[in-house]
Amino acid sequence: MNETPDIGALVADTRSERLAIVTDVADRRLTLRPPGGPGNEEWQAMPAHVREADPAETLRAQTAEATAVIRRGLTDQAV
C-alpha cells in the first residue's frame, strides 16, 4: 500500500495474512486489530505490508463484526 490507510480502514496484513482494522497510526506504524470488536489482540505493521481488503474479505470482516455484536448482546442479556 503506497499511502497510509485511515484509522478505521479494513486492510489485509500481507505478512501475517490476517484481516485487520486500523486503530492507530504512529511513527509510520499501523496498529491493527482483527475484526470482531474490542478485546482481540492488536499488533503493528508497516504501511508497506498492508493492502486494501478485497470485496470478499470485506464481507467476511463485516460478518465477524456483526457476529461479535450479537454475541456481546446475548452475553449481556444472560447476566
C-alpha atoms as a PDB file:
ATOM      1  CA  MET A   1       0.000   0.000   0.000  1.00  0.00           C
ATOM      2  CA  ASN A   2       1.588   3.276  -1.085  1.00  0.00           C
ATOM      3  CA  GLU A   3      -0.424   5.505   1.218  1.00  0.00           C
ATOM      4  CA  THR A   4      -1.021   5.197   4.930  1.00  0.00           C
ATOM      5  CA  PRO A   5      -4.589   3.944   5.409  1.00  0.00           C
ATOM      6  CA  ASP A   6      -7.028   5.912   7.518  1.00  0.00           C
ATOM      7  CA  ILE A   7      -7.981   4.870  11.035  1.00  0.00           C
ATOM      8  CA  GLY A   8     -10.968   2.552  10.716  1.00  0.00           C
ATOM      9  CA  ALA A   9      -9.887   1.206   7.322  1.00  0.00           C
ATOM     10  CA  LEU A  10     -10.128  -2.521   6.703  1.00  0.00           C
ATOM     11  CA  VAL A  11      -6.825  -3.899   5.449  1.00  0.00           C
ATOM     12  CA  ALA A  12      -5.130  -7.225   4.817  1.00  0.00           C
ATOM     13  CA  ASP A  13      -1.788  -7.653   6.551  1.00  0.00           C
ATOM     14  CA  THR A  14       0.357  -9.388   3.929  1.00  0.00           C
ATOM     15  CA  ARG A  15       2.930 -10.615   6.439  1.00  0.00           C
ATOM     16  CA  SER A  16       0.549 -12.286   8.888  1.00  0.00           C
ATOM     17  CA  GLU A  17      -2.126 -12.992   6.248  1.00  0.00           C
ATOM     18  CA  ARG A  18      -4.824 -11.603   8.567  1.00  0.00           C
ATOM     19  CA  LEU A  19      -7.592  -9.089   8.052  1.00  0.00           C
ATOM     20  CA  ALA A  20      -7.411  -6.074  10.316  1.00  0.00           C
ATOM     21  CA  ILE A  21      -8.928  -2.733  11.173  1.00  0.00           C
ATOM     22  CA  VAL A  22      -6.500   0.162  11.545  1.00  0.00           C
ATOM     23  CA  THR A  23      -6.877   1.564  15.067  1.00  0.00           C
ATOM     24  CA  ASP A  24      -3.905   3.940  15.212  1.00  0.00           C
ATOM     25  CA  VAL A  25      -1.091   5.383  13.136  1.00  0.00           C
ATOM     26  CA  ALA A  26       2.070   6.474  14.934  1.00  0.00           C
ATOM     27  CA  ASP A  27       5.739   6.722  13.969  1.00  0.00           C
ATOM     28  CA  ARG A  28       4.937   5.356  10.497  1.00  0.00           C
ATOM     29  CA  ARG A  29       3.500   2.173  12.048  1.00  0.00           C
ATOM     30  CA  LEU A  30      -0.080   0.993  11.985  1.00  0.00           C
ATOM     31  CA  THR A  31      -1.779  -0.522  14.995  1.00  0.00           C
ATOM     32  CA  LEU A  32      -4.166  -3.221  13.801  1.00  0.00           C
ATOM     33  CA  ARG A  33      -6.840  -5.393  15.390  1.00  0.00           C
ATOM     34  CA  PRO A  34      -8.836  -8.221  13.892  1.00  0.00           C
ATOM     35  CA  PRO A  35     -12.494  -7.634  13.035  1.00  0.00           C
ATOM     36  CA  GLY A  36     -14.828  -8.638  15.822  1.00  0.00           C
ATOM     37  CA  GLY A  37     -14.564  -5.831  18.298  1.00  0.00           C
ATOM     38  CA  PRO A  38     -12.518  -4.909  21.331  1.00  0.00           C
ATOM     39  CA  GLY A  39     -10.707  -7.485  23.370  1.00  0.00           C
ATOM     40  CA  ASN A  40      -8.910  -9.015  20.419  1.00  0.00           C
ATOM     41  CA  GLU A  41      -5.129  -8.937  20.242  1.00  0.00           C
ATOM     42  CA  GLU A  42      -3.657  -5.905  18.494  1.00  0.00           C
ATOM     43  CA  TRP A  43      -0.433  -5.899  16.501  1.00  0.00           C
ATOM     44  CA  GLN A  44       1.631  -3.467  14.480  1.00  0.00           C
ATOM     45  CA  ALA A  45       2.558  -3.397  10.803  1.00  0.00           C
ATOM     46  CA  MET A  46       4.249  -1.076   8.374  1.00  0.00           C
ATOM     47  CA  PRO A  47       2.012   0.529   5.724  1.00  0.00           C
ATOM     48  CA  ALA A  48       4.047  -1.220   3.011  1.00  0.00           C
ATOM     49  CA  HIS A  49       2.909  -4.569   4.431  1.00  0.00           C
ATOM     50  CA  VAL A  50      -0.830  -3.961   4.181  1.00  0.00           C
ATOM     51  CA  ARG A  51      -3.230  -3.694   1.291  1.00  0.00           C
ATOM     52  CA  GLU A  52      -6.851  -2.677   0.967  1.00  0.00           C
ATOM     53  CA  ALA A  53      -9.194  -5.575   1.717  1.00  0.00           C
ATOM     54  CA  ASP A  54     -10.934  -7.015  -1.340  1.00  0.00           C
ATOM     55  CA  PRO A  55     -14.765  -7.334  -1.507  1.00  0.00           C
ATOM     56  CA  ALA A  56     -14.831 -10.941  -0.237  1.00  0.00           C
ATOM     57  CA  GLU A  57     -12.556 -10.043   2.675  1.00  0.00           C
ATOM     58  CA  THR A  58     -14.710  -7.023   3.456  1.00  0.00           C
ATOM     59  CA  LEU A  59     -17.826  -9.203   3.617  1.00  0.00           C
ATOM     60  CA  ARG A  60     -16.032 -11.686   5.876  1.00  0.00           C
ATOM     61  CA  ALA A  61     -14.968  -8.867   8.218  1.00  0.00           C
ATOM     62  CA  GLN A  62     -18.478  -7.372   8.307  1.00  0.00           C
ATOM     63  CA  THR A  63     -19.855 -10.793   9.228  1.00  0.00           C
ATOM     64  CA  ALA A  64     -17.285 -11.148  12.027  1.00  0.00           C
ATOM     65  CA  GLU A  65     -18.182  -7.709  13.389  1.00  0.00           C
ATOM     66  CA  ALA A  66     -21.931  -8.449  13.295  1.00  0.00           C
ATOM     67  CA  THR A  67     -21.432 -11.803  14.994  1.00  0.00           C
ATOM     68  CA  ALA A  68     -19.379 -10.163  17.746  1.00  0.00           C
ATOM     69  CA  VAL A  69     -22.122  -7.593  18.350  1.00  0.00           C
ATOM     70  CA  ILE A  70     -24.744 -10.332  18.597  1.00  0.00           C
ATOM     71  CA  ARG A  71     -22.589 -12.383  20.972  1.00  0.00           C
ATOM     72  CA  ARG A  72     -21.970  -9.383  23.208  1.00  0.00           C
ATOM     73  CA  GLY A  73     -25.711  -8.694  23.256  1.00  0.00           C
ATOM     74  CA  LEU A  74     -26.534 -12.274  24.168  1.00  0.00           C
ATOM     75  CA  THR A  75     -23.911 -12.239  26.903  1.00  0.00           C
ATOM     76  CA  ASP A  76     -25.333  -9.023  28.350  1.00  0.00           C
ATOM     77  CA  GLN A  77     -28.864 -10.485  28.418  1.00  0.00           C
ATOM     78  CA  ALA A  78     -27.755 -13.687  30.133  1.00  0.00           C
ATOM     79  CA  VAL A  79     -26.317 -11.803  33.097  1.00  0.00           C
END
